[in-house]
Amino acid sequence: WMTDQMMTIVRESLAECADRSDGDLTIDAVTIESTHFHLFIPCSGRDINKTAKWLADQTAKAIHRRTSYRGPVWCKGKWCTYVFERSHWDNSRVYIERHAREKASPHPL
C-alpha cells in the first residue's frame, strides 16, 4: 500500500517521464491508487510492455530515492492492451477519470 507521499511521487515521476520523452510518450489519463495505477496512453509506436516496465521502474526508483521505503513497489503482473475502437477508447478514458475522482490522488498530471 502506498502512502499519500508515495502516490504523489508516482504522479510526479510519470509527468517527468512524459516530459523526458520529447513528445514520444503522452499520458491521456491517469489514476494513482494506493495499490496500483491506471494509465491511458495513445499509441506512439512504443512497445506497450516495455513502456509499462520502464514507467514502473522509474516510479519505483523515484519512491526509493525520495522516501525511506526500500521494498518492492509494484508486483510482477500487469495488464496492458491496445484499444482500437473509438467507443472502447472513450469508455476506458471515462473509467479512469471516474476512478481519479472517486478513489485516487486529487492531483492530475
PDB file of N, CA and C in Angstrom:
ATOM      1  N   TRP A   1       0.841  -1.183   0.000  1.00  0.00           N
ATOM      2  CA  TRP A   1       0.000   0.000   0.000  1.00  0.00           C
ATOM      3  C   TRP A   1       0.879   1.236   0.000  1.00  0.00           C
ATOM      4  N   MET A   2       0.618   2.131  -0.918  1.00  0.00           N
ATOM      5  CA  MET A   2       1.387   3.362  -0.976  1.00  0.00           C
ATOM      6  C   MET A   2       0.758   4.430  -0.096  1.00  0.00           C
ATOM      7  N   THR A   3       1.613   5.229   0.473  1.00  0.00           N
ATOM      8  CA  THR A   3       1.162   6.383   1.255  1.00  0.00           C
ATOM      9  C   THR A   3       0.787   7.510   0.284  1.00  0.00           C
ATOM     10  N   ASP A   4       0.184   8.552   0.830  1.00  0.00           N
ATOM     11  CA  ASP A   4      -0.124   9.728   0.005  1.00  0.00           C
ATOM     12  C   ASP A   4       1.153  10.301  -0.605  1.00  0.00           C
ATOM     13  N   GLN A   5       2.237  10.324   0.179  1.00  0.00           N
ATOM     14  CA  GLN A   5       3.508  10.834  -0.325  1.00  0.00           C
ATOM     15  C   GLN A   5       3.990   9.988  -1.503  1.00  0.00           C
ATOM     16  N   MET A   6       3.902   8.672  -1.387  1.00  0.00           N
ATOM     17  CA  MET A   6       4.343   7.788  -2.460  1.00  0.00           C
ATOM     18  C   MET A   6       3.491   7.979  -3.713  1.00  0.00           C
ATOM     19  N   MET A   7       2.173   8.150  -3.543  1.00  0.00           N
ATOM     20  CA  MET A   7       1.307   8.377  -4.699  1.00  0.00           C
ATOM     21  C   MET A   7       1.645   9.698  -5.390  1.00  0.00           C
ATOM     22  N   THR A   8       1.994  10.713  -4.606  1.00  0.00           N
ATOM     23  CA  THR A   8       2.413  11.987  -5.186  1.00  0.00           C
ATOM     24  C   THR A   8       3.710  11.810  -5.969  1.00  0.00           C
ATOM     25  N   ILE A   9       4.634  11.033  -5.435  1.00  0.00           N
ATOM     26  CA  ILE A   9       5.896  10.773  -6.127  1.00  0.00           C
ATOM     27  C   ILE A   9       5.643  10.042  -7.437  1.00  0.00           C
ATOM     28  N   VAL A  10       4.721   9.074  -7.440  1.00  0.00           N
ATOM     29  CA  VAL A  10       4.381   8.358  -8.673  1.00  0.00           C
ATOM     30  C   VAL A  10       3.838   9.344  -9.704  1.00  0.00           C
ATOM     31  N   ARG A  11       2.923  10.200  -9.289  1.00  0.00           N
ATOM     32  CA  ARG A  11       2.344  11.197 -10.202  1.00  0.00           C
ATOM     33  C   ARG A  11       3.437  12.085 -10.787  1.00  0.00           C
ATOM     34  N   GLU A  12       4.302  12.592  -9.939  1.00  0.00           N
ATOM     35  CA  GLU A  12       5.371  13.474 -10.401  1.00  0.00           C
ATOM     36  C   GLU A  12       6.352  12.734 -11.309  1.00  0.00           C
ATOM     37  N   SER A  13       6.653  11.493 -10.977  1.00  0.00           N
ATOM     38  CA  SER A  13       7.575  10.699 -11.789  1.00  0.00           C
ATOM     39  C   SER A  13       6.983  10.400 -13.169  1.00  0.00           C
ATOM     40  N   LEU A  14       5.692  10.081 -13.233  1.00  0.00           N
ATOM     41  CA  LEU A  14       5.053   9.860 -14.536  1.00  0.00           C
ATOM     42  C   LEU A  14       5.110  11.120 -15.392  1.00  0.00           C
ATOM     43  N   ALA A  15       4.864  12.268 -14.775  1.00  0.00           N
ATOM     44  CA  ALA A  15       4.935  13.534 -15.517  1.00  0.00           C
ATOM     45  C   ALA A  15       6.355  13.785 -16.011  1.00  0.00           C
ATOM     46  N   GLU A  16       7.353  13.491 -15.186  1.00  0.00           N
ATOM     47  CA  GLU A  16       8.751  13.659 -15.597  1.00  0.00           C
ATOM     48  C   GLU A  16       9.090  12.728 -16.765  1.00  0.00           C
ATOM     49  N   CYS A  17       8.606  11.497 -16.719  1.00  0.00           N
ATOM     50  CA  CYS A  17       8.852  10.547 -17.813  1.00  0.00           C
ATOM     51  C   CYS A  17       8.257  11.070 -19.115  1.00  0.00           C
ATOM     52  N   ALA A  18       7.045  11.588 -19.046  1.00  0.00           N
ATOM     53  CA  ALA A  18       6.406  12.133 -20.251  1.00  0.00           C
ATOM     54  C   ALA A  18       7.197  13.338 -20.763  1.00  0.00           C
ATOM     55  N   ASP A  19       7.653  14.187 -19.857  1.00  0.00           N
ATOM     56  CA  ASP A  19       8.443  15.356 -20.265  1.00  0.00           C
ATOM     57  C   ASP A  19       9.761  14.939 -20.916  1.00  0.00           C
ATOM     58  N   ARG A  20      10.417  13.943 -20.350  1.00  0.00           N
ATOM     59  CA  ARG A  20      11.713  13.490 -20.880  1.00  0.00           C
ATOM     60  C   ARG A  20      11.588  12.783 -22.220  1.00  0.00           C
ATOM     61  N   SER A  21      10.390  12.360 -22.577  1.00  0.00           N
ATOM     62  CA  SER A  21      10.217  11.585 -23.811  1.00  0.00           C
ATOM     63  C   SER A  21      10.176  12.479 -25.056  1.00  0.00           C
ATOM     64  N   ASP A  22      10.230  13.785 -24.881  1.00  0.00           N
ATOM     65  CA  ASP A  22      10.186  14.730 -26.009  1.00  0.00           C
ATOM     66  C   ASP A  22       8.975  14.500 -26.913  1.00  0.00           C
ATOM     67  N   GLY A  23       7.828  14.269 -26.309  1.00  0.00           N
ATOM     68  CA  GLY A  23       6.590  14.091 -27.064  1.00  0.00           C
ATOM     69  C   GLY A  23       6.329  12.675 -27.532  1.00  0.00           C
ATOM     70  N   ASP A  24       7.261  11.763 -27.255  1.00  0.00           N
ATOM     71  CA  ASP A  24       7.099  10.369 -27.672  1.00  0.00           C
ATOM     72  C   ASP A  24       6.143   9.609 -26.761  1.00  0.00           C
ATOM     73  N   LEU A  25       5.910  10.127 -25.566  1.00  0.00           N
ATOM     74  CA  LEU A  25       5.003   9.489 -24.613  1.00  0.00           C
ATOM     75  C   LEU A  25       4.014  10.536 -24.133  1.00  0.00           C
ATOM     76  N   THR A  26       2.755  10.307 -24.433  1.00  0.00           N
ATOM     77  CA  THR A  26       1.691  11.190 -23.986  1.00  0.00           C
ATOM     78  C   THR A  26       0.809  10.407 -23.022  1.00  0.00           C
ATOM     79  N   ILE A  27       0.535  10.992 -21.883  1.00  0.00           N
ATOM     80  CA  ILE A  27      -0.360  10.366 -20.910  1.00  0.00           C
ATOM     81  C   ILE A  27      -1.705  11.062 -21.035  1.00  0.00           C
ATOM     82  N   ASP A  28      -2.692  10.310 -21.512  1.00  0.00           N
ATOM     83  CA  ASP A  28      -4.012  10.873 -21.785  1.00  0.00           C
ATOM     84  C   ASP A  28      -4.880  10.908 -20.534  1.00  0.00           C
ATOM     85  N   ALA A  29      -4.713   9.926 -19.660  1.00  0.00           N
ATOM     86  CA  ALA A  29      -5.463   9.882 -18.404  1.00  0.00           C
ATOM     87  C   ALA A  29      -4.696   8.993 -17.432  1.00  0.00           C
ATOM     88  N   VAL A  30      -4.787   9.313 -16.155  1.00  0.00           N
ATOM     89  CA  VAL A  30      -4.102   8.518 -15.132  1.00  0.00           C
ATOM     90  C   VAL A  30      -4.894   8.575 -13.834  1.00  0.00           C
ATOM     91  N   THR A  31      -4.879   7.460 -13.113  1.00  0.00           N
ATOM     92  CA  THR A  31      -5.395   7.384 -11.760  1.00  0.00           C
ATOM     93  C   THR A  31      -4.352   6.655 -10.936  1.00  0.00           C
ATOM     94  N   ILE A  32      -3.953   7.240  -9.834  1.00  0.00           N
ATOM     95  CA  ILE A  32      -2.969   6.623  -8.957  1.00  0.00           C
ATOM     96  C   ILE A  32      -3.673   6.265  -7.661  1.00  0.00           C
ATOM     97  N   GLU A  33      -3.676   4.983  -7.355  1.00  0.00           N
ATOM     98  CA  GLU A  33      -4.311   4.487  -6.140  1.00  0.00           C
ATOM     99  C   GLU A  33      -3.248   3.901  -5.226  1.00  0.00           C
ATOM    100  N   SER A  34      -3.623   3.548  -4.028  1.00  0.00           N
ATOM    101  CA  SER A  34      -2.636   3.066  -3.054  1.00  0.00           C
ATOM    102  C   SER A  34      -2.027   1.720  -3.439  1.00  0.00           C
ATOM    103  N   THR A  35      -2.677   0.963  -4.304  1.00  0.00           N
ATOM    104  CA  THR A  35      -2.158  -0.358  -4.668  1.00  0.00           C
ATOM    105  C   THR A  35      -1.810  -0.506  -6.147  1.00  0.00           C
ATOM    106  N   HIS A  36      -2.184   0.461  -6.962  1.00  0.00           N
ATOM    107  CA  HIS A  36      -1.936   0.341  -8.398  1.00  0.00           C
ATOM    108  C   HIS A  36      -2.248   1.674  -9.081  1.00  0.00           C
ATOM    109  N   PHE A  37      -1.952   1.726 -10.377  1.00  0.00           N
ATOM    110  CA  PHE A  37      -2.383   2.892 -11.127  1.00  0.00           C
ATOM    111  C   PHE A  37      -2.939   2.460 -12.471  1.00  0.00           C
ATOM    112  N   HIS A  38      -3.830   3.283 -12.990  1.00  0.00           N
ATOM    113  CA  HIS A  38      -4.382   3.116 -14.335  1.00  0.00           C
ATOM    114  C   HIS A  38      -3.740   4.196 -15.189  1.00  0.00           C
ATOM    115  N   LEU A  39      -3.241   3.800 -16.326  1.00  0.00           N
ATOM    116  CA  LEU A  39      -2.568   4.737 -17.205  1.00  0.00           C
ATOM    117  C   LEU A  39      -3.098   4.530 -18.612  1.00  0.00           C
ATOM    118  N   PHE A  40      -3.481   5.604 -19.256  1.00  0.00           N
ATOM    119  CA  PHE A  40      -4.057   5.551 -20.599  1.00  0.00           C
ATOM    120  C   PHE A  40      -3.181   6.391 -21.505  1.00  0.00           C
ATOM    121  N   ILE A  41      -2.459   5.729 -22.398  1.00  0.00           N
ATOM    122  CA  ILE A  41      -1.556   6.447 -23.283  1.00  0.00           C
ATOM    123  C   ILE A  41      -1.871   6.126 -24.744  1.00  0.00           C
ATOM    124  N   PRO A  42      -1.920   7.139 -25.582  1.00  0.00           N
ATOM    125  CA  PRO A  42      -2.144   6.898 -27.016  1.00  0.00           C
ATOM    126  C   PRO A  42      -0.960   6.136 -27.616  1.00  0.00           C
ATOM    127  N   CYS A  43      -1.235   5.340 -28.610  1.00  0.00           N
ATOM    128  CA  CYS A  43      -0.203   4.583 -29.304  1.00  0.00           C
ATOM    129  C   CYS A  43       0.773   5.551 -29.980  1.00  0.00           C
ATOM    130  N   SER A  44       2.056   5.302 -29.760  1.00  0.00           N
ATOM    131  CA  SER A  44       3.076   6.180 -30.339  1.00  0.00           C
ATOM    132  C   SER A  44       4.138   5.392 -31.099  1.00  0.00           C
ATOM    133  N   GLY A  45       3.939   4.102 -31.212  1.00  0.00           N
ATOM    134  CA  GLY A  45       4.951   3.262 -31.818  1.00  0.00           C
ATOM    135  C   GLY A  45       5.843   2.606 -30.781  1.00  0.00           C
ATOM    136  N   ARG A  46       5.743   3.048 -29.529  1.00  0.00           N
ATOM    137  CA  ARG A  46       6.497   2.426 -28.435  1.00  0.00           C
ATOM    138  C   ARG A  46       5.909   1.045 -28.141  1.00  0.00           C
ATOM    139  N   ASP A  47       6.751   0.122 -27.740  1.00  0.00           N
ATOM    140  CA  ASP A  47       6.283  -1.180 -27.283  1.00  0.00           C
ATOM    141  C   ASP A  47       5.565  -0.986 -25.952  1.00  0.00           C
ATOM    142  N   ILE A  48       4.316  -1.398 -25.872  1.00  0.00           N
ATOM    143  CA  ILE A  48       3.493  -1.144 -24.687  1.00  0.00           C
ATOM    144  C   ILE A  48       4.043  -1.835 -23.439  1.00  0.00           C
ATOM    145  N   ASN A  49       4.535  -3.059 -23.585  1.00  0.00           N
ATOM    146  CA  ASN A  49       5.057  -3.781 -22.427  1.00  0.00           C
ATOM    147  C   ASN A  49       6.362  -3.178 -21.928  1.00  0.00           C
ATOM    148  N   LYS A  50       7.233  -2.785 -22.836  1.00  0.00           N
ATOM    149  CA  LYS A  50       8.486  -2.137 -22.437  1.00  0.00           C
ATOM    150  C   LYS A  50       8.211  -0.779 -21.808  1.00  0.00           C
ATOM    151  N   THR A  51       7.244  -0.064 -22.349  1.00  0.00           N
ATOM    152  CA  THR A  51       6.889   1.243 -21.794  1.00  0.00           C
ATOM    153  C   THR A  51       6.328   1.086 -20.382  1.00  0.00           C
ATOM    154  N   ALA A  52       5.452   0.112 -20.176  1.00  0.00           N
ATOM    155  CA  ALA A  52       4.884  -0.123 -18.842  1.00  0.00           C
ATOM    156  C   ALA A  52       5.985  -0.497 -17.854  1.00  0.00           C
ATOM    157  N   LYS A  53       6.914  -1.348 -18.265  1.00  0.00           N
ATOM    158  CA  LYS A  53       8.027  -1.743 -17.393  1.00  0.00           C
ATOM    159  C   LYS A  53       8.894  -0.536 -17.073  1.00  0.00           C
ATOM    160  N   TRP A  54       9.217   0.270 -18.082  1.00  0.00           N
ATOM    161  CA  TRP A  54      10.035   1.458 -17.862  1.00  0.00           C
ATOM    162  C   TRP A  54       9.369   2.413 -16.880  1.00  0.00           C
ATOM    163  N   LEU A  55       8.072   2.648 -17.051  1.00  0.00           N
ATOM    164  CA  LEU A  55       7.356   3.541 -16.140  1.00  0.00           C
ATOM    165  C   LEU A  55       7.319   2.979 -14.725  1.00  0.00           C
ATOM    166  N   ALA A  56       7.098   1.680 -14.595  1.00  0.00           N
ATOM    167  CA  ALA A  56       7.112   1.056 -13.271  1.00  0.00           C
ATOM    168  C   ALA A  56       8.491   1.189 -12.627  1.00  0.00           C
ATOM    169  N   ASP A  57       9.544   0.948 -13.398  1.00  0.00           N
ATOM    170  CA  ASP A  57      10.912   1.079 -12.884  1.00  0.00           C
ATOM    171  C   ASP A  57      11.202   2.511 -12.449  1.00  0.00           C
ATOM    172  N   GLN A  58      10.829   3.474 -13.285  1.00  0.00           N
ATOM    173  CA  GLN A  58      11.105   4.880 -12.971  1.00  0.00           C
ATOM    174  C   GLN A  58      10.346   5.342 -11.733  1.00  0.00           C
ATOM    175  N   THR A  59       9.094   4.921 -11.595  1.00  0.00           N
ATOM    176  CA  THR A  59       8.310   5.337 -10.425  1.00  0.00           C
ATOM    177  C   THR A  59       8.837   4.669  -9.159  1.00  0.00           C
ATOM    178  N   ALA A  60       9.223   3.407  -9.238  1.00  0.00           N
ATOM    179  CA  ALA A  60       9.780   2.710  -8.065  1.00  0.00           C
ATOM    180  C   ALA A  60      11.099   3.358  -7.639  1.00  0.00           C
ATOM    181  N   LYS A  61      11.967   3.664  -8.603  1.00  0.00           N
ATOM    182  CA  LYS A  61      13.236   4.315  -8.274  1.00  0.00           C
ATOM    183  C   LYS A  61      12.996   5.674  -7.623  1.00  0.00           C
ATOM    184  N   ALA A  62      12.016   6.403  -8.105  1.00  0.00           N
ATOM    185  CA  ALA A  62      11.701   7.713  -7.518  1.00  0.00           C
ATOM    186  C   ALA A  62      11.237   7.559  -6.072  1.00  0.00           C
ATOM    187  N   ILE A  63      10.408   6.567  -5.805  1.00  0.00           N
ATOM    188  CA  ILE A  63       9.956   6.316  -4.429  1.00  0.00           C
ATOM    189  C   ILE A  63      11.145   5.969  -3.550  1.00  0.00           C
ATOM    190  N   HIS A  64      12.036   5.115  -4.034  1.00  0.00           N
ATOM    191  CA  HIS A  64      13.202   4.726  -3.240  1.00  0.00           C
ATOM    192  C   HIS A  64      14.156   5.895  -3.003  1.00  0.00           C
ATOM    193  N   ARG A  65      14.272   6.798  -3.971  1.00  0.00           N
ATOM    194  CA  ARG A  65      15.140   7.965  -3.806  1.00  0.00           C
ATOM    195  C   ARG A  65      14.568   8.972  -2.809  1.00  0.00           C
ATOM    196  N   ARG A  66      13.253   9.121  -2.817  1.00  0.00           N
ATOM    197  CA  ARG A  66      12.641  10.232  -2.081  1.00  0.00           C
ATOM    198  C   ARG A  66      11.975   9.836  -0.767  1.00  0.00           C
ATOM    199  N   THR A  67      11.988   8.540  -0.443  1.00  0.00           N
ATOM    200  CA  THR A  67      11.433   8.090   0.839  1.00  0.00           C
ATOM    201  C   THR A  67      12.409   7.091   1.465  1.00  0.00           C
ATOM    202  N   SER A  68      12.110   6.658   2.665  1.00  0.00           N
ATOM    203  CA  SER A  68      12.936   5.640   3.324  1.00  0.00           C
ATOM    204  C   SER A  68      12.500   4.227   2.936  1.00  0.00           C
ATOM    205  N   TYR A  69      11.424   4.102   2.175  1.00  0.00           N
ATOM    206  CA  TYR A  69      10.920   2.789   1.774  1.00  0.00           C
ATOM    207  C   TYR A  69      11.896   2.133   0.798  1.00  0.00           C
ATOM    208  N   ARG A  70      12.246   0.854   1.032  1.00  0.00           N
ATOM    209  CA  ARG A  70      13.196   0.140   0.176  1.00  0.00           C
ATOM    210  C   ARG A  70      12.625  -1.152  -0.401  1.00  0.00           C
ATOM    211  N   GLY A  71      11.406  -1.462  -0.103  1.00  0.00           N
ATOM    212  CA  GLY A  71      10.814  -2.716  -0.585  1.00  0.00           C
ATOM    213  C   GLY A  71      10.287  -2.589  -2.000  1.00  0.00           C
ATOM    214  N   PRO A  72       9.691  -3.672  -2.490  1.00  0.00           N
ATOM    215  CA  PRO A  72       9.099  -3.624  -3.834  1.00  0.00           C
ATOM    216  C   PRO A  72       7.923  -2.651  -3.859  1.00  0.00           C
ATOM    217  N   VAL A  73       7.754  -2.005  -4.991  1.00  0.00           N
ATOM    218  CA  VAL A  73       6.652  -1.057  -5.150  1.00  0.00           C
ATOM    219  C   VAL A  73       5.533  -1.694  -5.958  1.00  0.00           C
ATOM    220  N   TRP A  74       5.874  -2.364  -7.039  1.00  0.00           N
ATOM    221  CA  TRP A  74       4.890  -2.959  -7.941  1.00  0.00           C
ATOM    222  C   TRP A  74       5.065  -4.470  -7.990  1.00  0.00           C
ATOM    223  N   CYS A  75       3.967  -5.177  -8.185  1.00  0.00           N
ATOM    224  CA  CYS A  75       4.043  -6.627  -8.364  1.00  0.00           C
ATOM    225  C   CYS A  75       4.497  -6.915  -9.796  1.00  0.00           C
ATOM    226  N   LYS A  76       4.783  -8.175 -10.085  1.00  0.00           N
ATOM    227  CA  LYS A  76       5.263  -8.538 -11.413  1.00  0.00           C
ATOM    228  C   LYS A  76       4.164  -8.491 -12.465  1.00  0.00           C
ATOM    229  N   GLY A  77       2.938  -8.694 -12.081  1.00  0.00           N
ATOM    230  CA  GLY A  77       1.847  -8.726 -13.051  1.00  0.00           C
ATOM    231  C   GLY A  77       1.429  -7.335 -13.501  1.00  0.00           C
ATOM    232  N   LYS A  78       0.965  -7.262 -14.723  1.00  0.00           N
ATOM    233  CA  LYS A  78       0.412  -6.011 -15.234  1.00  0.00           C
ATOM    234  C   LYS A  78      -0.567  -6.380 -16.343  1.00  0.00           C
ATOM    235  N   TRP A  79      -1.423  -5.454 -16.649  1.00  0.00           N
ATOM    236  CA  TRP A  79      -2.363  -5.679 -17.739  1.00  0.00           C
ATOM    237  C   TRP A  79      -2.198  -4.536 -18.717  1.00  0.00           C
ATOM    238  N   CYS A  80      -1.732  -4.864 -19.900  1.00  0.00           N
ATOM    239  CA  CYS A  80      -1.541  -3.878 -20.959  1.00  0.00           C
ATOM    240  C   CYS A  80      -2.315  -4.347 -22.179  1.00  0.00           C
ATOM    241  N   THR A  81      -2.986  -3.427 -22.806  1.00  0.00           N
ATOM    242  CA  THR A  81      -3.723  -3.774 -24.010  1.00  0.00           C
ATOM    243  C   THR A  81      -3.820  -2.555 -24.917  1.00  0.00           C
ATOM    244  N   TYR A  82      -4.033  -2.809 -26.166  1.00  0.00           N
ATOM    245  CA  TYR A  82      -4.281  -1.740 -27.126  1.00  0.00           C
ATOM    246  C   TYR A  82      -5.781  -1.573 -27.288  1.00  0.00           C
ATOM    247  N   VAL A  83      -6.212  -0.353 -27.518  1.00  0.00           N
ATOM    248  CA  VAL A  83      -7.615  -0.047 -27.741  1.00  0.00           C
ATOM    249  C   VAL A  83      -7.740   0.474 -29.170  1.00  0.00           C
ATOM    250  N   PHE A  84      -8.560  -0.195 -29.967  1.00  0.00           N
ATOM    251  CA  PHE A  84      -8.688   0.168 -31.377  1.00  0.00           C
ATOM    252  C   PHE A  84     -10.033   0.802 -31.727  1.00  0.00           C
ATOM    253  N   GLU A  85     -11.062   0.516 -30.936  1.00  0.00           N
ATOM    254  CA  GLU A  85     -12.387   1.051 -31.240  1.00  0.00           C
ATOM    255  C   GLU A  85     -12.638   2.337 -30.460  1.00  0.00           C
ATOM    256  N   ARG A  86     -13.196   3.328 -31.133  1.00  0.00           N
ATOM    257  CA  ARG A  86     -13.435   4.628 -30.513  1.00  0.00           C
ATOM    258  C   ARG A  86     -14.307   4.512 -29.262  1.00  0.00           C
ATOM    259  N   SER A  87     -15.339   3.687 -29.296  1.00  0.00           N
ATOM    260  CA  SER A  87     -16.218   3.565 -28.128  1.00  0.00           C
ATOM    261  C   SER A  87     -15.460   2.958 -26.942  1.00  0.00           C
ATOM    262  N   HIS A  88     -14.592   1.993 -27.213  1.00  0.00           N
ATOM    263  CA  HIS A  88     -13.780   1.389 -26.147  1.00  0.00           C
ATOM    264  C   HIS A  88     -12.817   2.435 -25.578  1.00  0.00           C
ATOM    265  N   TRP A  89     -12.216   3.239 -26.467  1.00  0.00           N
ATOM    266  CA  TRP A  89     -11.316   4.316 -26.046  1.00  0.00           C
ATOM    267  C   TRP A  89     -12.059   5.284 -25.115  1.00  0.00           C
ATOM    268  N   ASP A  90     -13.216   5.749 -25.551  1.00  0.00           N
ATOM    269  CA  ASP A  90     -13.987   6.708 -24.757  1.00  0.00           C
ATOM    270  C   ASP A  90     -14.397   6.112 -23.417  1.00  0.00           C
ATOM    271  N   ASN A  91     -14.884   4.864 -23.417  1.00  0.00           N
ATOM    272  CA  ASN A  91     -15.303   4.213 -22.176  1.00  0.00           C
ATOM    273  C   ASN A  91     -14.130   3.999 -21.227  1.00  0.00           C
ATOM    274  N   SER A  92     -12.975   3.630 -21.757  1.00  0.00           N
ATOM    275  CA  SER A  92     -11.790   3.411 -20.922  1.00  0.00           C
ATOM    276  C   SER A  92     -11.335   4.717 -20.280  1.00  0.00           C
ATOM    277  N   ARG A  93     -11.340   5.768 -21.050  1.00  0.00           N
ATOM    278  CA  ARG A  93     -10.934   7.071 -20.520  1.00  0.00           C
ATOM    279  C   ARG A  93     -11.900   7.528 -19.419  1.00  0.00           C
ATOM    280  N   VAL A  94     -13.190   7.371 -19.640  1.00  0.00           N
ATOM    281  CA  VAL A  94     -14.192   7.742 -18.635  1.00  0.00           C
ATOM    282  C   VAL A  94     -13.985   6.924 -17.360  1.00  0.00           C
ATOM    283  N   TYR A  95     -13.705   5.638 -17.508  1.00  0.00           N
ATOM    284  CA  TYR A  95     -13.456   4.763 -16.354  1.00  0.00           C
ATOM    285  C   TYR A  95     -12.277   5.285 -15.532  1.00  0.00           C
ATOM    286  N   ILE A  96     -11.185   5.614 -16.199  1.00  0.00           N
ATOM    287  CA  ILE A  96     -10.001   6.089 -15.496  1.00  0.00           C
ATOM    288  C   ILE A  96     -10.272   7.439 -14.835  1.00  0.00           C
ATOM    289  N   GLU A  97     -10.918   8.326 -15.531  1.00  0.00           N
ATOM    290  CA  GLU A  97     -11.223   9.639 -14.957  1.00  0.00           C
ATOM    291  C   GLU A  97     -12.184   9.514 -13.779  1.00  0.00           C
ATOM    292  N   ARG A  98     -13.153   8.601 -13.864  1.00  0.00           N
ATOM    293  CA  ARG A  98     -14.080   8.384 -12.743  1.00  0.00           C
ATOM    294  C   ARG A  98     -13.316   7.845 -11.543  1.00  0.00           C
ATOM    295  N   HIS A  99     -12.410   6.914 -11.771  1.00  0.00           N
ATOM    296  CA  HIS A  99     -11.569   6.381 -10.702  1.00  0.00           C
ATOM    297  C   HIS A  99     -10.780   7.501 -10.045  1.00  0.00           C
ATOM    298  N   ALA A 100     -10.250   8.402 -10.837  1.00  0.00           N
ATOM    299  CA  ALA A 100      -9.454   9.514 -10.304  1.00  0.00           C
ATOM    300  C   ALA A 100     -10.292  10.372  -9.366  1.00  0.00           C
ATOM    301  N   ARG A 101     -11.528  10.620  -9.738  1.00  0.00           N
ATOM    302  CA  ARG A 101     -12.399  11.445  -8.900  1.00  0.00           C
ATOM    303  C   ARG A 101     -12.822  10.719  -7.632  1.00  0.00           C
ATOM    304  N   GLU A 102     -13.064   9.411  -7.734  1.00  0.00           N
ATOM    305  CA  GLU A 102     -13.635   8.662  -6.622  1.00  0.00           C
ATOM    306  C   GLU A 102     -12.613   8.125  -5.633  1.00  0.00           C
ATOM    307  N   LYS A 103     -11.432   7.695  -6.117  1.00  0.00           N
ATOM    308  CA  LYS A 103     -10.567   6.916  -5.243  1.00  0.00           C
ATOM    309  C   LYS A 103      -9.131   7.382  -5.148  1.00  0.00           C
ATOM    310  N   ALA A 104      -8.690   8.213  -6.016  1.00  0.00           N
ATOM    311  CA  ALA A 104      -7.244   8.415  -6.116  1.00  0.00           C
ATOM    312  C   ALA A 104      -6.809   9.799  -5.698  1.00  0.00           C
ATOM    313  N   SER A 105      -5.528  10.018  -5.891  1.00  0.00           N
ATOM    314  CA  SER A 105      -4.923  11.308  -5.628  1.00  0.00           C
ATOM    315  C   SER A 105      -5.672  12.395  -6.401  1.00  0.00           C
ATOM    316  N   PRO A 106      -6.014  13.486  -5.756  1.00  0.00           N
ATOM    317  CA  PRO A 106      -6.807  14.526  -6.421  1.00  0.00           C
ATOM    318  C   PRO A 106      -6.001  15.379  -7.380  1.00  0.00           C
ATOM    319  N   HIS A 107      -4.719  15.107  -7.529  1.00  0.00           N
ATOM    320  CA  HIS A 107      -3.875  15.950  -8.365  1.00  0.00           C
ATOM    321  C   HIS A 107      -3.588  15.280  -9.693  1.00  0.00           C
ATOM    322  N   PRO A 108      -4.201  15.733 -10.790  1.00  0.00           N
ATOM    323  CA  PRO A 108      -3.926  15.138 -12.086  1.00  0.00           C
ATOM    324  C   PRO A 108      -2.529  15.521 -12.568  1.00  0.00           C
ATOM    325  N   LEU A 109      -2.058  14.821 -13.582  1.00  0.00           N
ATOM    326  CA  LEU A 109      -0.739  15.139 -14.149  1.00  0.00           C
ATOM    327  C   LEU A 109      -0.773  16.512 -14.776  1.00  0.00           C
TER     328      LEU A 109
END
